[in-house]
Amino acid sequence: MQRCPHCRARYNGTARCRRCGAGLEKLLEIERQAEQLARQAVACLGAGDIAGASSCARIAMRLHATPFNRALVGFIGSLAGHPDTIGGPEIETMCLHGQLDAVEREK
């Protein structure tokens, strides 16, 4: 998280926003869970478990749509023979919000 979702103040690494006092603990926990799931997806890839990797990566993507998580879902999709699948309906949402570059939109 780079900014408070309530007041947009820069995140300073604490569990409360320095400006508005909003509690950020749950959001930080969600980010940690997404990172853990992304790591688990990579471990599944290393073990040859494409289905497990895909499941973990998609959940990580739903929790926190980072560039790494998007790339991971796309990479796993290409291994599974679905290179244009980045997580089902999420791709439409990301396109609507301008989060995919032009190359990904062409797929």
PDB file of N, CA and C in Angstrom:
ATOM      1  N   MET A   1       0.851  -1.160   0.000  1.00  0.00           N
ATOM      2  CA  MET A   1       0.000   0.000   0.000  1.00  0.00           C
ATOM      3  C   MET A   1       0.902   1.229   0.000  1.00  0.00           C
ATOM      4  N   GLN A   2       0.596   2.133  -0.883  1.00  0.00           N
ATOM      5  CA  GLN A   2       1.401   3.345  -0.964  1.00  0.00           C
ATOM      6  C   GLN A   2       0.686   4.545  -0.358  1.00  0.00           C
ATOM      7  N   ARG A   3      -0.643   4.482  -0.349  1.00  0.00           N
ATOM      8  CA  ARG A   3      -1.421   5.600   0.185  1.00  0.00           C
ATOM      9  C   ARG A   3      -2.604   5.084   0.984  1.00  0.00           C
ATOM     10  N   CYS A   4      -3.046   5.882   1.924  1.00  0.00           N
ATOM     11  CA  CYS A   4      -4.235   5.559   2.704  1.00  0.00           C
ATOM     12  C   CYS A   4      -5.442   5.555   1.759  1.00  0.00           C
ATOM     13  N   PRO A   5      -6.263   4.512   1.798  1.00  0.00           N
ATOM     14  CA  PRO A   5      -7.418   4.472   0.907  1.00  0.00           C
ATOM     15  C   PRO A   5      -8.512   5.476   1.293  1.00  0.00           C
ATOM     16  N   HIS A   6      -8.446   6.032   2.494  1.00  0.00           N
ATOM     17  CA  HIS A   6      -9.466   6.980   2.955  1.00  0.00           C
ATOM     18  C   HIS A   6      -9.126   8.419   2.597  1.00  0.00           C
ATOM     19  N   CYS A   7      -7.903   8.829   2.892  1.00  0.00           N
ATOM     20  CA  CYS A   7      -7.552  10.244   2.695  1.00  0.00           C
ATOM     21  C   CYS A   7      -6.417  10.447   1.692  1.00  0.00           C
ATOM     22  N   ARG A   8      -5.851   9.341   1.186  1.00  0.00           N
ATOM     23  CA  ARG A   8      -4.774   9.369   0.186  1.00  0.00           C
ATOM     24  C   ARG A   8      -3.433   9.880   0.720  1.00  0.00           C
ATOM     25  N   ALA A   9      -3.274   9.968   2.032  1.00  0.00           N
ATOM     26  CA  ALA A   9      -1.975  10.348   2.600  1.00  0.00           C
ATOM     27  C   ALA A   9      -0.971   9.234   2.312  1.00  0.00           C
ATOM     28  N   ARG A  10       0.287   9.597   2.179  1.00  0.00           N
ATOM     29  CA  ARG A  10       1.327   8.589   1.949  1.00  0.00           C
ATOM     30  C   ARG A  10       1.383   7.627   3.125  1.00  0.00           C
ATOM     31  N   TYR A  11       1.543   6.350   2.781  1.00  0.00           N
ATOM     32  CA  TYR A  11       1.647   5.325   3.813  1.00  0.00           C
ATOM     33  C   TYR A  11       3.029   5.408   4.443  1.00  0.00           C
ATOM     34  N   ASN A  12       3.072   5.425   5.772  1.00  0.00           N
ATOM     35  CA  ASN A  12       4.352   5.581   6.463  1.00  0.00           C
ATOM     36  C   ASN A  12       4.798   4.320   7.202  1.00  0.00           C
ATOM     37  N   GLY A  13       4.148   3.192   6.928  1.00  0.00           N
ATOM     38  CA  GLY A  13       4.588   1.939   7.520  1.00  0.00           C
ATOM     39  C   GLY A  13       3.932   1.572   8.834  1.00  0.00           C
ATOM     40  N   THR A  14       2.994   2.374   9.304  1.00  0.00           N
ATOM     41  CA  THR A  14       2.320   2.077  10.561  1.00  0.00           C
ATOM     42  C   THR A  14       0.934   1.494  10.298  1.00  0.00           C
ATOM     43  N   ALA A  15       0.316   0.972  11.343  1.00  0.00           N
ATOM     44  CA  ALA A  15      -0.999   0.350  11.219  1.00  0.00           C
ATOM     45  C   ALA A  15      -2.136   1.369  11.198  1.00  0.00           C
ATOM     46  N   ARG A  16      -1.825   2.634  11.448  1.00  0.00           N
ATOM     47  CA  ARG A  16      -2.833   3.703  11.393  1.00  0.00           C
ATOM     48  C   ARG A  16      -2.325   4.809  10.488  1.00  0.00           C
ATOM     49  N   CYS A  17      -3.256   5.408   9.748  1.00  0.00           N
ATOM     50  CA  CYS A  17      -2.894   6.522   8.875  1.00  0.00           C
ATOM     51  C   CYS A  17      -2.456   7.702   9.725  1.00  0.00           C
ATOM     52  N   ARG A  18      -1.366   8.323   9.335  1.00  0.00           N
ATOM     53  CA  ARG A  18      -0.838   9.454  10.101  1.00  0.00           C
ATOM     54  C   ARG A  18      -1.739  10.673  10.007  1.00  0.00           C
ATOM     55  N   ARG A  19      -2.491  10.794   8.912  1.00  0.00           N
ATOM     56  CA  ARG A  19      -3.339  11.970   8.727  1.00  0.00           C
ATOM     57  C   ARG A  19      -4.749  11.774   9.302  1.00  0.00           C
ATOM     58  N   CYS A  20      -5.446  10.728   8.879  1.00  0.00           N
ATOM     59  CA  CYS A  20      -6.856  10.576   9.275  1.00  0.00           C
ATOM     60  C   CYS A  20      -7.071   9.566  10.393  1.00  0.00           C
ATOM     61  N   GLY A  21      -6.050   8.784  10.726  1.00  0.00           N
ATOM     62  CA  GLY A  21      -6.158   7.821  11.813  1.00  0.00           C
ATOM     63  C   GLY A  21      -6.871   6.533  11.446  1.00  0.00           C
ATOM     64  N   ALA A  22      -7.161   6.339  10.172  1.00  0.00           N
ATOM     65  CA  ALA A  22      -7.850   5.121   9.744  1.00  0.00           C
ATOM     66  C   ALA A  22      -7.003   3.895  10.063  1.00  0.00           C
ATOM     67  N   GLY A  23      -7.670   2.845  10.510  1.00  0.00           N
ATOM     68  CA  GLY A  23      -6.986   1.586  10.776  1.00  0.00           C
ATOM     69  C   GLY A  23      -6.678   0.869   9.474  1.00  0.00           C
ATOM     70  N   LEU A  24      -5.436   0.518   9.272  1.00  0.00           N
ATOM     71  CA  LEU A  24      -5.002  -0.117   8.033  1.00  0.00           C
ATOM     72  C   LEU A  24      -4.614  -1.578   8.236  1.00  0.00           C
ATOM     73  N   GLU A  25      -4.845  -2.092   9.443  1.00  0.00           N
ATOM     74  CA  GLU A  25      -4.399  -3.440   9.783  1.00  0.00           C
ATOM     75  C   GLU A  25      -4.970  -4.497   8.850  1.00  0.00           C
ATOM     76  N   LYS A  26      -6.268  -4.436   8.591  1.00  0.00           N
ATOM     77  CA  LYS A  26      -6.899  -5.463   7.760  1.00  0.00           C
ATOM     78  C   LYS A  26      -6.390  -5.408   6.320  1.00  0.00           C
ATOM     79  N   LEU A  27      -6.202  -4.204   5.804  1.00  0.00           N
ATOM     80  CA  LEU A  27      -5.668  -4.075   4.447  1.00  0.00           C
ATOM     81  C   LEU A  27      -4.247  -4.619   4.361  1.00  0.00           C
ATOM     82  N   LEU A  28      -3.453  -4.339   5.377  1.00  0.00           N
ATOM     83  CA  LEU A  28      -2.082  -4.848   5.395  1.00  0.00           C
ATOM     84  C   LEU A  28      -2.071  -6.372   5.479  1.00  0.00           C
ATOM     85  N   GLU A  29      -3.004  -6.934   6.244  1.00  0.00           N
ATOM     86  CA  GLU A  29      -3.103  -8.387   6.356  1.00  0.00           C
ATOM     87  C   GLU A  29      -3.499  -9.001   5.013  1.00  0.00           C
ATOM     88  N   ILE A  30      -4.403  -8.357   4.305  1.00  0.00           N
ATOM     89  CA  ILE A  30      -4.802  -8.849   2.985  1.00  0.00           C
ATOM     90  C   ILE A  30      -3.610  -8.827   2.028  1.00  0.00           C
ATOM     91  N   GLU A  31      -2.826  -7.763   2.071  1.00  0.00           N
ATOM     92  CA  GLU A  31      -1.629  -7.697   1.226  1.00  0.00           C
ATOM     93  C   GLU A  31      -0.647  -8.810   1.581  1.00  0.00           C
ATOM     94  N   ARG A  32      -0.482  -9.083   2.874  1.00  0.00           N
ATOM     95  CA  ARG A  32       0.421 -10.164   3.303  1.00  0.00           C
ATOM     96  C   ARG A  32      -0.096 -11.519   2.813  1.00  0.00           C
ATOM     97  N   GLN A  33      -1.415 -11.725   2.913  1.00  0.00           N
ATOM     98  CA  GLN A  33      -1.996 -12.984   2.442  1.00  0.00           C
ATOM     99  C   GLN A  33      -1.782 -13.156   0.941  1.00  0.00           C
ATOM    100  N   ALA A  34      -1.960 -12.073   0.195  1.00  0.00           N
ATOM    101  CA  ALA A  34      -1.758 -12.138  -1.257  1.00  0.00           C
ATOM    102  C   ALA A  34      -0.309 -12.481  -1.582  1.00  0.00           C
ATOM    103  N   GLU A  35       0.624 -11.881  -0.863  1.00  0.00           N
ATOM    104  CA  GLU A  35       2.042 -12.178  -1.096  1.00  0.00           C
ATOM    105  C   GLU A  35       2.352 -13.636  -0.767  1.00  0.00           C
ATOM    106  N   GLN A  36       1.783 -14.130   0.326  1.00  0.00           N
ATOM    107  CA  GLN A  36       2.003 -15.524   0.714  1.00  0.00           C
ATOM    108  C   GLN A  36       1.423 -16.473  -0.342  1.00  0.00           C
ATOM    109  N   LEU A  37       0.250 -16.152  -0.858  1.00  0.00           N
ATOM    110  CA  LEU A  37      -0.356 -16.985  -1.896  1.00  0.00           C
ATOM    111  C   LEU A  37       0.457 -16.956  -3.189  1.00  0.00           C
ATOM    112  N   ALA A  38       1.014 -15.807  -3.523  1.00  0.00           N
ATOM    113  CA  ALA A  38       1.854 -15.715  -4.720  1.00  0.00           C
ATOM    114  C   ALA A  38       3.101 -16.583  -4.546  1.00  0.00           C
ATOM    115  N   ARG A  39       3.678 -16.558  -3.367  1.00  0.00           N
ATOM    116  CA  ARG A  39       4.848 -17.417  -3.098  1.00  0.00           C
ATOM    117  C   ARG A  39       4.470 -18.891  -3.184  1.00  0.00           C
ATOM    118  N   GLN A  40       3.283 -19.209  -2.665  1.00  0.00           N
ATOM    119  CA  GLN A  40       2.811 -20.589  -2.716  1.00  0.00           C
ATOM    120  C   GLN A  40       2.576 -21.012  -4.171  1.00  0.00           C
ATOM    121  N   ALA A  41       2.075 -20.101  -4.995  1.00  0.00           N
ATOM    122  CA  ALA A  41       1.875 -20.402  -6.415  1.00  0.00           C
ATOM    123  C   ALA A  41       3.205 -20.728  -7.084  1.00  0.00           C
ATOM    124  N   VAL A  42       4.234 -19.957  -6.768  1.00  0.00           N
ATOM    125  CA  VAL A  42       5.560 -20.211  -7.337  1.00  0.00           C
ATOM    126  C   VAL A  42       6.087 -21.564  -6.855  1.00  0.00           C
ATOM    127  N   ALA A  43       5.863 -21.885  -5.583  1.00  0.00           N
ATOM    128  CA  ALA A  43       6.291 -23.184  -5.056  1.00  0.00           C
ATOM    129  C   ALA A  43       5.551 -24.319  -5.760  1.00  0.00           C
ATOM    130  N   CYS A  44       4.264 -24.135  -6.011  1.00  0.00           N
ATOM    131  CA  CYS A  44       3.490 -25.149  -6.740  1.00  0.00           C
ATOM    132  C   CYS A  44       4.037 -25.331  -8.152  1.00  0.00           C
ATOM    133  N   LEU A  45       4.410 -24.225  -8.787  1.00  0.00           N
ATOM    134  CA  LEU A  45       5.016 -24.323 -10.121  1.00  0.00           C
ATOM    135  C   LEU A  45       6.283 -25.164 -10.071  1.00  0.00           C
ATOM    136  N   GLY A  46       7.102 -24.915  -9.063  1.00  0.00           N
ATOM    137  CA  GLY A  46       8.342 -25.667  -8.908  1.00  0.00           C
ATOM    138  C   GLY A  46       8.103 -27.148  -8.698  1.00  0.00           C
ATOM    139  N   ALA A  47       6.967 -27.476  -8.085  1.00  0.00           N
ATOM    140  CA  ALA A  47       6.627 -28.874  -7.839  1.00  0.00           C
ATOM    141  C   ALA A  47       5.856 -29.488  -9.006  1.00  0.00           C
ATOM    142  N   GLY A  48       5.592 -28.689 -10.037  1.00  0.00           N
ATOM    143  CA  GLY A  48       4.870 -29.200 -11.200  1.00  0.00           C
ATOM    144  C   GLY A  48       3.366 -29.216 -11.052  1.00  0.00           C
ATOM    145  N   ASP A  49       2.848 -28.565 -10.036  1.00  0.00           N
ATOM    146  CA  ASP A  49       1.405 -28.532  -9.783  1.00  0.00           C
ATOM    147  C   ASP A  49       0.803 -27.270 -10.403  1.00  0.00           C
ATOM    148  N   ILE A  50       0.492 -27.336 -11.700  1.00  0.00           N
ATOM    149  CA  ILE A  50      -0.035 -26.176 -12.420  1.00  0.00           C
ATOM    150  C   ILE A  50      -1.407 -25.776 -11.873  1.00  0.00           C
ATOM    151  N   ALA A  51      -2.260 -26.751 -11.578  1.00  0.00           N
ATOM    152  CA  ALA A  51      -3.604 -26.439 -11.071  1.00  0.00           C
ATOM    153  C   ALA A  51      -3.518 -25.733  -9.723  1.00  0.00           C
ATOM    154  N   GLY A  52      -2.665 -26.217  -8.846  1.00  0.00           N
ATOM    155  CA  GLY A  52      -2.487 -25.575  -7.545  1.00  0.00           C
ATOM    156  C   GLY A  52      -1.903 -24.188  -7.681  1.00  0.00           C
ATOM    157  N   ALA A  53      -0.936 -24.048  -8.582  1.00  0.00           N
ATOM    158  CA  ALA A  53      -0.324 -22.741  -8.829  1.00  0.00           C
ATOM    159  C   ALA A  53      -1.358 -21.764  -9.358  1.00  0.00           C
ATOM    160  N   SER A  54      -2.190 -22.224 -10.273  1.00  0.00           N
ATOM    161  CA  SER A  54      -3.222 -21.371 -10.856  1.00  0.00           C
ATOM    162  C   SER A  54      -4.210 -20.909  -9.795  1.00  0.00           C
ATOM    163  N   SER A  55      -4.627 -21.821  -8.958  1.00  0.00           N
ATOM    164  CA  SER A  55      -5.579 -21.481  -7.898  1.00  0.00           C
ATOM    165  C   SER A  55      -4.997 -20.443  -6.945  1.00  0.00           C
ATOM    166  N   CYS A  56      -3.788 -20.678  -6.483  1.00  0.00           N
ATOM    167  CA  CYS A  56      -3.145 -19.737  -5.552  1.00  0.00           C
ATOM    168  C   CYS A  56      -2.928 -18.372  -6.201  1.00  0.00           C
ATOM    169  N   ALA A  57      -2.476 -18.375  -7.448  1.00  0.00           N
ATOM    170  CA  ALA A  57      -2.198 -17.112  -8.133  1.00  0.00           C
ATOM    171  C   ALA A  57      -3.472 -16.310  -8.364  1.00  0.00           C
ATOM    172  N   ARG A  58      -4.553 -16.973  -8.729  1.00  0.00           N
ATOM    173  CA  ARG A  58      -5.818 -16.269  -8.958  1.00  0.00           C
ATOM    174  C   ARG A  58      -6.353 -15.652  -7.671  1.00  0.00           C
ATOM    175  N   ILE A  59      -6.241 -16.370  -6.576  1.00  0.00           N
ATOM    176  CA  ILE A  59      -6.701 -15.816  -5.297  1.00  0.00           C
ATOM    177  C   ILE A  59      -5.826 -14.631  -4.908  1.00  0.00           C
ATOM    178  N   ALA A  60      -4.513 -14.773  -5.082  1.00  0.00           N
ATOM    179  CA  ALA A  60      -3.601 -13.658  -4.784  1.00  0.00           C
ATOM    180  C   ALA A  60      -3.968 -12.438  -5.612  1.00  0.00           C
ATOM    181  N   MET A  61      -4.302 -12.672  -6.873  1.00  0.00           N
ATOM    182  CA  MET A  61      -4.678 -11.582  -7.771  1.00  0.00           C
ATOM    183  C   MET A  61      -5.960 -10.897  -7.306  1.00  0.00           C
ATOM    184  N   ARG A  62      -6.912 -11.673  -6.852  1.00  0.00           N
ATOM    185  CA  ARG A  62      -8.170 -11.094  -6.368  1.00  0.00           C
ATOM    186  C   ARG A  62      -7.950 -10.270  -5.106  1.00  0.00           C
ATOM    187  N   LEU A  63      -7.026 -10.713  -4.278  1.00  0.00           N
ATOM    188  CA  LEU A  63      -6.753  -9.984  -3.038  1.00  0.00           C
ATOM    189  C   LEU A  63      -5.953  -8.713  -3.276  1.00  0.00           C
ATOM    190  N   HIS A  64      -4.965  -8.796  -4.189  1.00  0.00           N
ATOM    191  CA  HIS A  64      -4.085  -7.645  -4.420  1.00  0.00           C
ATOM    192  C   HIS A  64      -3.552  -7.716  -5.849  1.00  0.00           C
ATOM    193  N   ALA A  65      -4.111  -6.906  -6.708  1.00  0.00           N
ATOM    194  CA  ALA A  65      -3.779  -6.954  -8.139  1.00  0.00           C
ATOM    195  C   ALA A  65      -2.498  -6.193  -8.447  1.00  0.00           C
ATOM    196  N   THR A  66      -1.384  -6.745  -7.999  1.00  0.00           N
ATOM    197  CA  THR A  66      -0.079  -6.137  -8.273  1.00  0.00           C
ATOM    198  C   THR A  66       0.371  -6.526  -9.679  1.00  0.00           C
ATOM    199  N   PRO A  67       1.322  -5.795 -10.247  1.00  0.00           N
ATOM    200  CA  PRO A  67       1.868  -6.201 -11.550  1.00  0.00           C
ATOM    201  C   PRO A  67       2.445  -7.621 -11.509  1.00  0.00           C
ATOM    202  N   PHE A  68       3.097  -7.977 -10.401  1.00  0.00           N
ATOM    203  CA  PHE A  68       3.657  -9.329 -10.292  1.00  0.00           C
ATOM    204  C   PHE A  68       2.550 -10.370 -10.316  1.00  0.00           C
ATOM    205  N   ASN A  69       1.487 -10.152  -9.538  1.00  0.00           N
ATOM    206  CA  ASN A  69       0.400 -11.130  -9.493  1.00  0.00           C
ATOM    207  C   ASN A  69      -0.287 -11.254 -10.850  1.00  0.00           C
ATOM    208  N   ARG A  70      -0.459 -10.141 -11.554  1.00  0.00           N
ATOM    209  CA  ARG A  70      -1.046 -10.200 -12.900  1.00  0.00           C
ATOM    210  C   ARG A  70      -0.148 -11.007 -13.834  1.00  0.00           C
ATOM    211  N   ALA A  71       1.148 -10.752 -13.773  1.00  0.00           N
ATOM    212  CA  ALA A  71       2.090 -11.486 -14.623  1.00  0.00           C
ATOM    213  C   ALA A  71       2.107 -12.968 -14.264  1.00  0.00           C
ATOM    214  N   LEU A  72       2.040 -13.273 -12.986  1.00  0.00           N
ATOM    215  CA  LEU A  72       2.053 -14.663 -12.534  1.00  0.00           C
ATOM    216  C   LEU A  72       0.832 -15.408 -13.055  1.00  0.00           C
ATOM    217  N   VAL A  73      -0.340 -14.805 -12.942  1.00  0.00           N
ATOM    218  CA  VAL A  73      -1.560 -15.438 -13.447  1.00  0.00           C
ATOM    219  C   VAL A  73      -1.462 -15.638 -14.957  1.00  0.00           C
ATOM    220  N   GLY A  74      -0.960 -14.640 -15.664  1.00  0.00           N
ATOM    221  CA  GLY A  74      -0.801 -14.767 -17.111  1.00  0.00           C
ATOM    222  C   GLY A  74       0.188 -15.853 -17.490  1.00  0.00           C
ATOM    223  N   PHE A  75       1.297 -15.917 -16.767  1.00  0.00           N
ATOM    224  CA  PHE A  75       2.315 -16.934 -17.041  1.00  0.00           C
ATOM    225  C   PHE A  75       1.762 -18.333 -16.799  1.00  0.00           C
ATOM    226  N   ILE A  76       1.094 -18.518 -15.676  1.00  0.00           N
ATOM    227  CA  ILE A  76       0.526 -19.834 -15.365  1.00  0.00           C
ATOM    228  C   ILE A  76      -0.547 -20.193 -16.388  1.00  0.00           C
ATOM    229  N   GLY A  77      -1.332 -19.201 -16.794  1.00  0.00           N
ATOM    230  CA  GLY A  77      -2.337 -19.448 -17.827  1.00  0.00           C
ATOM    231  C   GLY A  77      -1.710 -19.905 -19.132  1.00  0.00           C
ATOM    232  N   SER A  78      -0.562 -19.322 -19.481  1.00  0.00           N
ATOM    233  CA  SER A  78       0.111 -19.730 -20.719  1.00  0.00           C
ATOM    234  C   SER A  78       0.651 -21.151 -20.601  1.00  0.00           C
ATOM    235  N   LEU A  79       1.101 -21.536 -19.418  1.00  0.00           N
ATOM    236  CA  LEU A  79       1.569 -22.910 -19.215  1.00  0.00           C
ATOM    237  C   LEU A  79       0.421 -23.902 -19.318  1.00  0.00           C
ATOM    238  N   ALA A  80      -0.747 -23.471 -18.870  1.00  0.00           N
ATOM    239  CA  ALA A  80      -1.918 -24.346 -18.880  1.00  0.00           C
ATOM    240  C   ALA A  80      -2.619 -24.339 -20.238  1.00  0.00           C
ATOM    241  N   GLY A  81      -2.089 -23.546 -21.186  1.00  0.00           N
ATOM    242  CA  GLY A  81      -2.696 -23.488 -22.505  1.00  0.00           C
ATOM    243  C   GLY A  81      -3.796 -22.461 -22.632  1.00  0.00           C
ATOM    244  N   HIS A  82      -3.848 -21.529 -21.688  1.00  0.00           N
ATOM    245  CA  HIS A  82      -4.850 -20.464 -21.715  1.00  0.00           C
ATOM    246  C   HIS A  82      -4.147 -19.119 -21.596  1.00  0.00           C
ATOM    247  N   PRO A  83      -3.347 -18.721 -22.598  1.00  0.00           N
ATOM    248  CA  PRO A  83      -2.539 -17.505 -22.462  1.00  0.00           C
ATOM    249  C   PRO A  83      -3.349 -16.229 -22.334  1.00  0.00           C
ATOM    250  N   ASP A  84      -4.607 -16.235 -22.774  1.00  0.00           N
ATOM    251  CA  ASP A  84      -5.399 -15.013 -22.674  1.00  0.00           C
ATOM    252  C   ASP A  84      -6.233 -14.963 -21.404  1.00  0.00           C
ATOM    253  N   THR A  85      -6.091 -15.960 -20.554  1.00  0.00           N
ATOM    254  CA  THR A  85      -6.867 -15.993 -19.319  1.00  0.00           C
ATOM    255  C   THR A  85      -6.036 -15.413 -18.191  1.00  0.00           C
ATOM    256  N   ILE A  86      -6.528 -14.347 -17.614  1.00  0.00           N
ATOM    257  CA  ILE A  86      -5.802 -13.720 -16.517  1.00  0.00           C
ATOM    258  C   ILE A  86      -6.628 -13.732 -15.245  1.00  0.00           C
ATOM    259  N   GLY A  87      -7.664 -14.512 -15.203  1.00  0.00           N
ATOM    260  CA  GLY A  87      -8.448 -14.590 -13.984  1.00  0.00           C
ATOM    261  C   GLY A  87      -9.927 -14.383 -14.213  1.00  0.00           C
ATOM    262  N   GLY A  88     -10.400 -14.684 -15.382  1.00  0.00           N
ATOM    263  CA  GLY A  88     -11.823 -14.592 -15.663  1.00  0.00           C
ATOM    264  C   GLY A  88     -12.315 -13.165 -15.719  1.00  0.00           C
ATOM    265  N   PRO A  89     -13.359 -12.846 -14.950  1.00  0.00           N
ATOM    266  CA  PRO A  89     -13.964 -11.518 -15.022  1.00  0.00           C
ATOM    267  C   PRO A  89     -13.037 -10.396 -14.592  1.00  0.00           C
ATOM    268  N   GLU A  90     -11.958 -10.727 -13.879  1.00  0.00           N
ATOM    269  CA  GLU A  90     -11.039  -9.682 -13.423  1.00  0.00           C
ATOM    270  C   GLU A  90     -10.443  -8.908 -14.588  1.00  0.00           C
ATOM    271  N   ILE A  91     -10.235  -9.574 -15.734  1.00  0.00           N
ATOM    272  CA  ILE A  91      -9.616  -8.866 -16.855  1.00  0.00           C
ATOM    273  C   ILE A  91     -10.504  -7.729 -17.336  1.00  0.00           C
ATOM    274  N   GLU A  92     -11.824  -7.936 -17.332  1.00  0.00           N
ATOM    275  CA  GLU A  92     -12.731  -6.869 -17.739  1.00  0.00           C
ATOM    276  C   GLU A  92     -12.649  -5.707 -16.764  1.00  0.00           C
ATOM    277  N   THR A  93     -12.610  -6.000 -15.486  1.00  0.00           N
ATOM    278  CA  THR A  93     -12.512  -4.952 -14.475  1.00  0.00           C
ATOM    279  C   THR A  93     -11.217  -4.180 -14.632  1.00  0.00           C
ATOM    280  N   MET A  94     -10.102  -4.893 -14.848  1.00  0.00           N
ATOM    281  CA  MET A  94      -8.818  -4.217 -14.989  1.00  0.00           C
ATOM    282  C   MET A  94      -8.790  -3.355 -16.240  1.00  0.00           C
ATOM    283  N   CYS A  95      -9.380  -3.833 -17.328  1.00  0.00           N
ATOM    284  CA  CYS A  95      -9.417  -3.033 -18.557  1.00  0.00           C
ATOM    285  C   CYS A  95     -10.229  -1.767 -18.339  1.00  0.00           C
ATOM    286  N   LEU A  96     -11.346  -1.893 -17.638  1.00  0.00           N
ATOM    287  CA  LEU A  96     -12.185  -0.727 -17.383  1.00  0.00           C
ATOM    288  C   LEU A  96     -11.447   0.320 -16.567  1.00  0.00           C
ATOM    289  N   HIS A  97     -10.569  -0.119 -15.689  1.00  0.00           N
ATOM    290  CA  HIS A  97      -9.831   0.807 -14.838  1.00  0.00           C
ATOM    291  C   HIS A  97      -8.474   1.188 -15.432  1.00  0.00           C
ATOM    292  N   GLY A  98      -8.196   0.763 -16.650  1.00  0.00           N
ATOM    293  CA  GLY A  98      -6.954   1.137 -17.315  1.00  0.00           C
ATOM    294  C   GLY A  98      -5.714   0.522 -16.709  1.00  0.00           C
ATOM    295  N   GLN A  99      -5.840  -0.626 -16.058  1.00  0.00           N
ATOM    296  CA  GLN A  99      -4.694  -1.220 -15.389  1.00  0.00           C
ATOM    297  C   GLN A  99      -3.908  -2.171 -16.286  1.00  0.00           C
ATOM    298  N   LEU A 100      -4.421  -2.467 -17.467  1.00  0.00           N
ATOM    299  CA  LEU A 100      -3.689  -3.335 -18.379  1.00  0.00           C
ATOM    300  C   LEU A 100      -3.113  -2.490 -19.493  1.00  0.00           C
ATOM    301  N   ASP A 101      -1.928  -2.841 -19.930  1.00  0.00           N
ATOM    302  CA  ASP A 101      -1.356  -2.078 -21.039  1.00  0.00           C
ATOM    303  C   ASP A 101      -2.005  -2.507 -22.355  1.00  0.00           C
ATOM    304  N   ALA A 102      -1.730  -1.786 -23.418  1.00  0.00           N
ATOM    305  CA  ALA A 102      -2.386  -2.010 -24.702  1.00  0.00           C
ATOM    306  C   ALA A 102      -2.151  -3.418 -25.240  1.00  0.00           C
ATOM    307  N   VAL A 103      -0.984  -3.972 -24.994  1.00  0.00           N
ATOM    308  CA  VAL A 103      -0.691  -5.315 -25.493  1.00  0.00           C
ATOM    309  C   VAL A 103      -1.617  -6.331 -24.854  1.00  0.00           C
ATOM    310  N   GLU A 104      -1.838  -6.224 -23.552  1.00  0.00           N
ATOM    311  CA  GLU A 104      -2.708  -7.173 -22.871  1.00  0.00           C
ATOM    312  C   GLU A 104      -4.154  -6.998 -23.309  1.00  0.00           C
ATOM    313  N   ARG A 105      -4.583  -5.769 -23.605  1.00  0.00           N
ATOM    314  CA  ARG A 105      -5.957  -5.538 -24.038  1.00  0.00           C
ATOM    315  C   ARG A 105      -6.236  -6.168 -25.393  1.00  0.00           C
ATOM    316  N   GLU A 106      -5.206  -6.300 -26.230  1.00  0.00           N
ATOM    317  CA  GLU A 106      -5.399  -6.870 -27.555  1.00  0.00           C
ATOM    318  C   GLU A 106      -5.650  -8.365 -27.513  1.00  0.00           C
ATOM    319  N   LYS A 107      -5.292  -9.033 -26.425  1.00  0.00           N
ATOM    320  CA  LYS A 107      -5.450 -10.489 -26.336  1.00  0.00           C
ATOM    321  C   LYS A 107      -6.881 -10.877 -26.364  1.00  0.00           C
TER     322      LYS A 107
END
